Amino acid sequence: MTAVVDFWGVKRRVRLDLCDEPVQVGDYVLNHVGFAIRRIPSEDVQTTLELYEQLLRENTGQGPEDLMAADVRGEIEAGRS
């Protein structure tokens, strides 16, 4: 009941037992603290990735950083070190 996910080049093992529906290799999932909690429908993948990229782009050290952007950056940096 685990899988390896790739999050901007950072690979993590996540648990699948809380996911809202079964997933297969190649599916995109929403991961929260080591648990895949939702399979992202294929028609929503591009929009979801664009929203994450926008979040990171708009929160680049200009004033207080959005907490979600800080969390995403922390995950990326932790995985690369």
PDB file of N, CA and C in Angstrom:
ATOM      1  N   MET A   1       0.809  -1.202   0.000  1.00  0.00           N
ATOM      2  CA  MET A   1       0.000   0.000   0.000  1.00  0.00           C
ATOM      3  C   MET A   1       0.855   1.270   0.000  1.00  0.00           C
ATOM      4  N   THR A   2       2.023   1.201  -0.650  1.00  0.00           N
ATOM      5  CA  THR A   2       2.848   2.394  -0.788  1.00  0.00           C
ATOM      6  C   THR A   2       3.247   2.565  -2.244  1.00  0.00           C
ATOM      7  N   ALA A   3       3.698   3.769  -2.548  1.00  0.00           N
ATOM      8  CA  ALA A   3       4.182   4.075  -3.895  1.00  0.00           C
ATOM      9  C   ALA A   3       5.278   5.118  -3.780  1.00  0.00           C
ATOM     10  N   VAL A   4       6.091   5.192  -4.803  1.00  0.00           N
ATOM     11  CA  VAL A   4       7.103   6.245  -4.883  1.00  0.00           C
ATOM     12  C   VAL A   4       6.542   7.328  -5.799  1.00  0.00           C
ATOM     13  N   VAL A   5       6.541   8.567  -5.307  1.00  0.00           N
ATOM     14  CA  VAL A   5       6.065   9.693  -6.100  1.00  0.00           C
ATOM     15  C   VAL A   5       7.238  10.610  -6.421  1.00  0.00           C
ATOM     16  N   ASP A   6       7.106  11.328  -7.509  1.00  0.00           N
ATOM     17  CA  ASP A   6       8.129  12.282  -7.941  1.00  0.00           C
ATOM     18  C   ASP A   6       7.516  13.672  -7.857  1.00  0.00           C
ATOM     19  N   PHE A   7       8.095  14.514  -7.021  1.00  0.00           N
ATOM     20  CA  PHE A   7       7.598  15.863  -6.776  1.00  0.00           C
ATOM     21  C   PHE A   7       8.692  16.841  -7.183  1.00  0.00           C
ATOM     22  N   TRP A   8       8.653  17.322  -8.418  1.00  0.00           N
ATOM     23  CA  TRP A   8       9.676  18.200  -8.984  1.00  0.00           C
ATOM     24  C   TRP A   8      11.068  17.610  -8.818  1.00  0.00           C
ATOM     25  N   GLY A   9      11.200  16.342  -9.141  1.00  0.00           N
ATOM     26  CA  GLY A   9      12.488  15.670  -9.073  1.00  0.00           C
ATOM     27  C   GLY A   9      12.826  15.070  -7.721  1.00  0.00           C
ATOM     28  N   VAL A  10      12.002  15.313  -6.717  1.00  0.00           N
ATOM     29  CA  VAL A  10      12.208  14.741  -5.390  1.00  0.00           C
ATOM     30  C   VAL A  10      11.343  13.483  -5.291  1.00  0.00           C
ATOM     31  N   LYS A  11      11.977  12.366  -5.013  1.00  0.00           N
ATOM     32  CA  LYS A  11      11.234  11.113  -4.911  1.00  0.00           C
ATOM     33  C   LYS A  11      10.960  10.788  -3.445  1.00  0.00           C
ATOM     34  N   ARG A  12       9.702  10.469  -3.176  1.00  0.00           N
ATOM     35  CA  ARG A  12       9.269  10.139  -1.812  1.00  0.00           C
ATOM     36  C   ARG A  12       8.366   8.910  -1.850  1.00  0.00           C
ATOM     37  N   ARG A  13       8.431   8.122  -0.803  1.00  0.00           N
ATOM     38  CA  ARG A  13       7.501   7.003  -0.654  1.00  0.00           C
ATOM     39  C   ARG A  13       6.286   7.530   0.115  1.00  0.00           C
ATOM     40  N   VAL A  14       5.097   7.260  -0.416  1.00  0.00           N
ATOM     41  CA  VAL A  14       3.865   7.686   0.244  1.00  0.00           C
ATOM     42  C   VAL A  14       2.952   6.482   0.433  1.00  0.00           C
ATOM     43  N   ARG A  15       2.079   6.587   1.408  1.00  0.00           N
ATOM     44  CA  ARG A  15       1.087   5.540   1.669  1.00  0.00           C
ATOM     45  C   ARG A  15      -0.138   5.810   0.806  1.00  0.00           C
ATOM     46  N   LEU A  16      -0.771   4.729   0.375  1.00  0.00           N
ATOM     47  CA  LEU A  16      -1.925   4.837  -0.516  1.00  0.00           C
ATOM     48  C   LEU A  16      -3.257   4.515   0.157  1.00  0.00           C
ATOM     49  N   ASP A  17      -3.233   4.063   1.404  1.00  0.00           N
ATOM     50  CA  ASP A  17      -4.458   3.582   2.016  1.00  0.00           C
ATOM     51  C   ASP A  17      -5.490   4.663   2.311  1.00  0.00           C
ATOM     52  N   LEU A  18      -5.142   5.932   2.244  1.00  0.00           N
ATOM     53  CA  LEU A  18      -6.118   7.005   2.453  1.00  0.00           C
ATOM     54  C   LEU A  18      -6.607   7.636   1.150  1.00  0.00           C
ATOM     55  N   CYS A  19      -6.042   7.223   0.036  1.00  0.00           N
ATOM     56  CA  CYS A  19      -6.387   7.833  -1.245  1.00  0.00           C
ATOM     57  C   CYS A  19      -7.864   7.598  -1.560  1.00  0.00           C
ATOM     58  N   ASP A  20      -8.488   8.585  -2.164  1.00  0.00           N
ATOM     59  CA  ASP A  20      -9.927   8.536  -2.431  1.00  0.00           C
ATOM     60  C   ASP A  20     -10.340   7.495  -3.458  1.00  0.00           C
ATOM     61  N   GLU A  21      -9.395   7.042  -4.275  1.00  0.00           N
ATOM     62  CA  GLU A  21      -9.685   5.997  -5.255  1.00  0.00           C
ATOM     63  C   GLU A  21      -8.378   5.311  -5.633  1.00  0.00           C
ATOM     64  N   PRO A  22      -8.460   4.119  -6.210  1.00  0.00           N
ATOM     65  CA  PRO A  22      -7.238   3.396  -6.586  1.00  0.00           C
ATOM     66  C   PRO A  22      -6.384   4.191  -7.579  1.00  0.00           C
ATOM     67  N   VAL A  23      -5.073   4.027  -7.455  1.00  0.00           N
ATOM     68  CA  VAL A  23      -4.143   4.696  -8.369  1.00  0.00           C
ATOM     69  C   VAL A  23      -3.297   3.654  -9.082  1.00  0.00           C
ATOM     70  N   GLN A  24      -2.787   4.063 -10.230  1.00  0.00           N
ATOM     71  CA  GLN A  24      -1.914   3.214 -11.021  1.00  0.00           C
ATOM     72  C   GLN A  24      -0.633   3.979 -11.323  1.00  0.00           C
ATOM     73  N   VAL A  25       0.388   3.262 -11.755  1.00  0.00           N
ATOM     74  CA  VAL A  25       1.641   3.890 -12.155  1.00  0.00           C
ATOM     75  C   VAL A  25       1.323   4.952 -13.205  1.00  0.00           C
ATOM     76  N   GLY A  26       1.878   6.153 -13.013  1.00  0.00           N
ATOM     77  CA  GLY A  26       1.658   7.253 -13.945  1.00  0.00           C
ATOM     78  C   GLY A  26       0.569   8.216 -13.513  1.00  0.00           C
ATOM     79  N   ASP A  27      -0.258   7.821 -12.533  1.00  0.00           N
ATOM     80  CA  ASP A  27      -1.286   8.733 -12.024  1.00  0.00           C
ATOM     81  C   ASP A  27      -0.641   9.848 -11.213  1.00  0.00           C
ATOM     82  N   TYR A  28      -1.322  10.963 -11.125  1.00  0.00           N
ATOM     83  CA  TYR A  28      -0.916  12.071 -10.269  1.00  0.00           C
ATOM     84  C   TYR A  28      -1.772  12.034  -9.019  1.00  0.00           C
ATOM     85  N   VAL A  29      -1.138  12.305  -7.874  1.00  0.00           N
ATOM     86  CA  VAL A  29      -1.868  12.294  -6.608  1.00  0.00           C
ATOM     87  C   VAL A  29      -1.545  13.561  -5.822  1.00  0.00           C
ATOM     88  N   LEU A  30      -2.463  13.924  -4.960  1.00  0.00           N
ATOM     89  CA  LEU A  30      -2.228  14.998  -3.999  1.00  0.00           C
ATOM     90  C   LEU A  30      -1.685  14.323  -2.749  1.00  0.00           C
ATOM     91  N   ASN A  31      -0.484  14.709  -2.354  1.00  0.00           N
ATOM     92  CA  ASN A  31       0.210  14.104  -1.228  1.00  0.00           C
ATOM     93  C   ASN A  31       0.195  15.081  -0.058  1.00  0.00           C
ATOM     94  N   HIS A  32      -0.110  14.551   1.124  1.00  0.00           N
ATOM     95  CA  HIS A  32      -0.060  15.373   2.329  1.00  0.00           C
ATOM     96  C   HIS A  32       0.598  14.548   3.423  1.00  0.00           C
ATOM     97  N   VAL A  33       1.689  15.045   3.936  1.00  0.00           N
ATOM     98  CA  VAL A  33       2.485  14.431   5.001  1.00  0.00           C
ATOM     99  C   VAL A  33       2.655  12.927   4.835  1.00  0.00           C
ATOM    100  N   GLY A  34       3.049  12.526   3.625  1.00  0.00           N
ATOM    101  CA  GLY A  34       3.362  11.128   3.385  1.00  0.00           C
ATOM    102  C   GLY A  34       2.190  10.244   2.996  1.00  0.00           C
ATOM    103  N   PHE A  35       1.020  10.842   2.805  1.00  0.00           N
ATOM    104  CA  PHE A  35      -0.157  10.089   2.401  1.00  0.00           C
ATOM    105  C   PHE A  35      -0.708  10.661   1.102  1.00  0.00           C
ATOM    106  N   ALA A  36      -0.942   9.783   0.128  1.00  0.00           N
ATOM    107  CA  ALA A  36      -1.661  10.191  -1.073  1.00  0.00           C
ATOM    108  C   ALA A  36      -3.126  10.269  -0.653  1.00  0.00           C
ATOM    109  N   ILE A  37      -3.720  11.462  -0.747  1.00  0.00           N
ATOM    110  CA  ILE A  37      -5.093  11.605  -0.266  1.00  0.00           C
ATOM    111  C   ILE A  37      -6.105  11.745  -1.394  1.00  0.00           C
ATOM    112  N   ARG A  38      -5.629  12.021  -2.600  1.00  0.00           N
ATOM    113  CA  ARG A  38      -6.553  12.203  -3.712  1.00  0.00           C
ATOM    114  C   ARG A  38      -5.835  11.935  -5.018  1.00  0.00           C
ATOM    115  N   ARG A  39      -6.465  11.155  -5.880  1.00  0.00           N
ATOM    116  CA  ARG A  39      -5.946  10.986  -7.242  1.00  0.00           C
ATOM    117  C   ARG A  39      -6.430  12.176  -8.038  1.00  0.00           C
ATOM    118  N   ILE A  40      -5.508  12.818  -8.751  1.00  0.00           N
ATOM    119  CA  ILE A  40      -5.874  13.983  -9.559  1.00  0.00           C
ATOM    120  C   ILE A  40      -6.322  13.471 -10.925  1.00  0.00           C
ATOM    121  N   PRO A  41      -7.557  13.778 -11.318  1.00  0.00           N
ATOM    122  CA  PRO A  41      -8.039  13.320 -12.627  1.00  0.00           C
ATOM    123  C   PRO A  41      -7.145  13.843 -13.745  1.00  0.00           C
ATOM    124  N   SER A  42      -6.949  13.043 -14.778  1.00  0.00           N
ATOM    125  CA  SER A  42      -6.029  13.408 -15.859  1.00  0.00           C
ATOM    126  C   SER A  42      -6.378  14.762 -16.472  1.00  0.00           C
ATOM    127  N   GLU A  43      -7.655  15.097 -16.541  1.00  0.00           N
ATOM    128  CA  GLU A  43      -8.039  16.382 -17.136  1.00  0.00           C
ATOM    129  C   GLU A  43      -7.704  17.576 -16.232  1.00  0.00           C
ATOM    130  N   ASP A  44      -7.340  17.327 -14.963  1.00  0.00           N
ATOM    131  CA  ASP A  44      -6.995  18.400 -14.029  1.00  0.00           C
ATOM    132  C   ASP A  44      -5.498  18.521 -13.769  1.00  0.00           C
ATOM    133  N   VAL A  45      -4.698  17.592 -14.287  1.00  0.00           N
ATOM    134  CA  VAL A  45      -3.268  17.572 -13.980  1.00  0.00           C
ATOM    135  C   VAL A  45      -2.579  18.860 -14.420  1.00  0.00           C
ATOM    136  N   GLN A  46      -2.763  19.274 -15.663  1.00  0.00           N
ATOM    137  CA  GLN A  46      -2.067  20.460 -16.176  1.00  0.00           C
ATOM    138  C   GLN A  46      -2.415  21.711 -15.369  1.00  0.00           C
ATOM    139  N   THR A  47      -3.683  21.894 -15.066  1.00  0.00           N
ATOM    140  CA  THR A  47      -4.116  23.053 -14.274  1.00  0.00           C
ATOM    141  C   THR A  47      -3.504  23.012 -12.879  1.00  0.00           C
ATOM    142  N   THR A  48      -3.480  21.825 -12.276  1.00  0.00           N
ATOM    143  CA  THR A  48      -2.908  21.685 -10.933  1.00  0.00           C
ATOM    144  C   THR A  48      -1.430  22.041 -10.934  1.00  0.00           C
ATOM    145  N   LEU A  49      -0.677  21.530 -11.909  1.00  0.00           N
ATOM    146  CA  LEU A  49       0.752  21.854 -11.993  1.00  0.00           C
ATOM    147  C   LEU A  49       0.969  23.347 -12.215  1.00  0.00           C
ATOM    148  N   GLU A  50       0.147  23.959 -13.057  1.00  0.00           N
ATOM    149  CA  GLU A  50       0.265  25.395 -13.310  1.00  0.00           C
ATOM    150  C   GLU A  50      -0.011  26.200 -12.049  1.00  0.00           C
ATOM    151  N   LEU A  51      -0.971  25.771 -11.234  1.00  0.00           N
ATOM    152  CA  LEU A  51      -1.262  26.478  -9.977  1.00  0.00           C
ATOM    153  C   LEU A  51      -0.084  26.401  -9.011  1.00  0.00           C
ATOM    154  N   TYR A  52       0.539  25.223  -8.916  1.00  0.00           N
ATOM    155  CA  TYR A  52       1.725  25.101  -8.061  1.00  0.00           C
ATOM    156  C   TYR A  52       2.855  25.993  -8.574  1.00  0.00           C
ATOM    157  N   GLU A  53       3.087  25.992  -9.874  1.00  0.00           N
ATOM    158  CA  GLU A  53       4.142  26.835 -10.439  1.00  0.00           C
ATOM    159  C   GLU A  53       3.856  28.316 -10.204  1.00  0.00           C
ATOM    160  N   GLN A  54       2.608  28.717 -10.331  1.00  0.00           N
ATOM    161  CA  GLN A  54       2.225  30.112 -10.070  1.00  0.00           C
ATOM    162  C   GLN A  54       2.452  30.455  -8.600  1.00  0.00           C
ATOM    163  N   LEU A  55       2.072  29.558  -7.712  1.00  0.00           N
ATOM    164  CA  LEU A  55       2.263  29.775  -6.283  1.00  0.00           C
ATOM    165  C   LEU A  55       3.738  30.006  -5.963  1.00  0.00           C
ATOM    166  N   LEU A  56       4.607  29.174  -6.525  1.00  0.00           N
ATOM    167  CA  LEU A  56       6.036  29.316  -6.269  1.00  0.00           C
ATOM    168  C   LEU A  56       6.609  30.577  -6.911  1.00  0.00           C
ATOM    169  N   ARG A  57       6.140  30.902  -8.104  1.00  0.00           N
ATOM    170  CA  ARG A  57       6.632  32.083  -8.821  1.00  0.00           C
ATOM    171  C   ARG A  57       6.238  33.373  -8.090  1.00  0.00           C
ATOM    172  N   GLU A  58       5.012  33.423  -7.571  1.00  0.00           N
ATOM    173  CA  GLU A  58       4.516  34.649  -6.937  1.00  0.00           C
ATOM    174  C   GLU A  58       5.022  34.836  -5.517  1.00  0.00           C
ATOM    175  N   ASN A  59       5.631  33.835  -4.949  1.00  0.00           N
ATOM    176  CA  ASN A  59       6.130  33.913  -3.578  1.00  0.00           C
ATOM    177  C   ASN A  59       7.637  33.714  -3.582  1.00  0.00           C
ATOM    178  N   THR A  60       8.351  34.709  -4.085  1.00  0.00           N
ATOM    179  CA  THR A  60       9.804  34.579  -4.222  1.00  0.00           C
ATOM    180  C   THR A  60      10.538  35.635  -3.407  1.00  0.00           C
ATOM    181  N   GLY A  61      10.272  35.665  -2.125  1.00  0.00           N
ATOM    182  CA  GLY A  61      11.031  36.537  -1.248  1.00  0.00           C
ATOM    183  C   GLY A  61      10.566  37.983  -1.190  1.00  0.00           C
ATOM    184  N   GLN A  62       9.421  38.284  -1.727  1.00  0.00           N
ATOM    185  CA  GLN A  62       8.894  39.651  -1.676  1.00  0.00           C
ATOM    186  C   GLN A  62       7.841  39.714  -0.579  1.00  0.00           C
ATOM    187  N   GLY A  63       8.254  40.049   0.612  1.00  0.00           N
ATOM    188  CA  GLY A  63       7.321  40.080   1.734  1.00  0.00           C
ATOM    189  C   GLY A  63       7.190  38.695   2.348  1.00  0.00           C
ATOM    190  N   PRO A  64       6.243  38.566   3.281  1.00  0.00           N
ATOM    191  CA  PRO A  64       6.078  37.262   3.933  1.00  0.00           C
ATOM    192  C   PRO A  64       5.597  36.207   2.935  1.00  0.00           C
ATOM    193  N   GLU A  65       6.221  35.040   3.008  1.00  0.00           N
ATOM    194  CA  GLU A  65       5.884  33.974   2.065  1.00  0.00           C
ATOM    195  C   GLU A  65       4.599  33.260   2.489  1.00  0.00           C
ATOM    196  N   ASP A  66       3.797  32.933   1.525  1.00  0.00           N
ATOM    197  CA  ASP A  66       2.601  32.140   1.729  1.00  0.00           C
ATOM    198  C   ASP A  66       3.003  30.818   2.385  1.00  0.00           C
ATOM    199  N   LEU A  67       2.228  30.353   3.356  1.00  0.00           N
ATOM    200  CA  LEU A  67       2.592  29.141   4.087  1.00  0.00           C
ATOM    201  C   LEU A  67       2.634  27.912   3.183  1.00  0.00           C
ATOM    202  N   MET A  68       1.731  27.825   2.230  1.00  0.00           N
ATOM    203  CA  MET A  68       1.752  26.682   1.329  1.00  0.00           C
ATOM    204  C   MET A  68       2.992  26.718   0.438  1.00  0.00           C
ATOM    205  N   ALA A  69       3.341  27.895  -0.056  1.00  0.00           N
ATOM    206  CA  ALA A  69       4.544  28.023  -0.880  1.00  0.00           C
ATOM    207  C   ALA A  69       5.780  27.645  -0.068  1.00  0.00           C
ATOM    208  N   ALA A  70       5.823  28.063   1.184  1.00  0.00           N
ATOM    209  CA  ALA A  70       6.956  27.728   2.039  1.00  0.00           C
ATOM    210  C   ALA A  70       7.036  26.220   2.251  1.00  0.00           C
ATOM    211  N   ASP A  71       5.897  25.574   2.425  1.00  0.00           N
ATOM    212  CA  ASP A  71       5.863  24.125   2.607  1.00  0.00           C
ATOM    213  C   ASP A  71       6.348  23.402   1.355  1.00  0.00           C
ATOM    214  N   VAL A  72       5.889  23.833   0.190  1.00  0.00           N
ATOM    215  CA  VAL A  72       6.305  23.215  -1.071  1.00  0.00           C
ATOM    216  C   VAL A  72       7.798  23.391  -1.272  1.00  0.00           C
ATOM    217  N   ARG A  73       8.305  24.608  -1.057  1.00  0.00           N
ATOM    218  CA  ARG A  73       9.742  24.851  -1.192  1.00  0.00           C
ATOM    219  C   ARG A  73      10.542  23.985  -0.218  1.00  0.00           C
ATOM    220  N   GLY A  74      10.054  23.881   1.006  1.00  0.00           N
ATOM    221  CA  GLY A  74      10.745  23.065   2.021  1.00  0.00           C
ATOM    222  C   GLY A  74      10.828  21.609   1.598  1.00  0.00           C
ATOM    223  N   GLU A  75       9.747  21.077   1.039  1.00  0.00           N
ATOM    224  CA  GLU A  75       9.747  19.683   0.571  1.00  0.00           C
ATOM    225  C   GLU A  75      10.757  19.495  -0.549  1.00  0.00           C
ATOM    226  N   ILE A  76      10.764  20.425  -1.488  1.00  0.00           N
ATOM    227  CA  ILE A  76      11.683  20.329  -2.628  1.00  0.00           C
ATOM    228  C   ILE A  76      13.132  20.398  -2.143  1.00  0.00           C
ATOM    229  N   GLU A  77      13.433  21.383  -1.288  1.00  0.00           N
ATOM    230  CA  GLU A  77      14.795  21.547  -0.804  1.00  0.00           C
ATOM    231  C   GLU A  77      15.251  20.379   0.065  1.00  0.00           C
ATOM    232  N   ALA A  78      14.369  19.858   0.913  1.00  0.00           N
ATOM    233  CA  ALA A  78      14.724  18.731   1.781  1.00  0.00           C
ATOM    234  C   ALA A  78      15.039  17.493   0.957  1.00  0.00           C
ATOM    235  N   GLY A  79      14.302  17.295  -0.101  1.00  0.00           N
ATOM    236  CA  GLY A  79      14.521  16.133  -0.939  1.00  0.00           C
ATOM    237  C   GLY A  79      15.780  16.197  -1.766  1.00  0.00           C
ATOM    238  N   ARG A  80      16.259  17.379  -2.018  1.00  0.00           N
ATOM    239  CA  ARG A  80      17.462  17.543  -2.846  1.00  0.00           C
ATOM    240  C   ARG A  80      18.741  17.567  -2.030  1.00  0.00           C
ATOM    241  N   SER A  81      18.599  17.673  -0.713  1.00  0.00           N
ATOM    242  CA  SER A  81      19.812  17.728   0.122  1.00  0.00           C
ATOM    243  C   SER A  81      20.164  16.375   0.683  1.00  0.00           C
TER     244      SER A  81
END
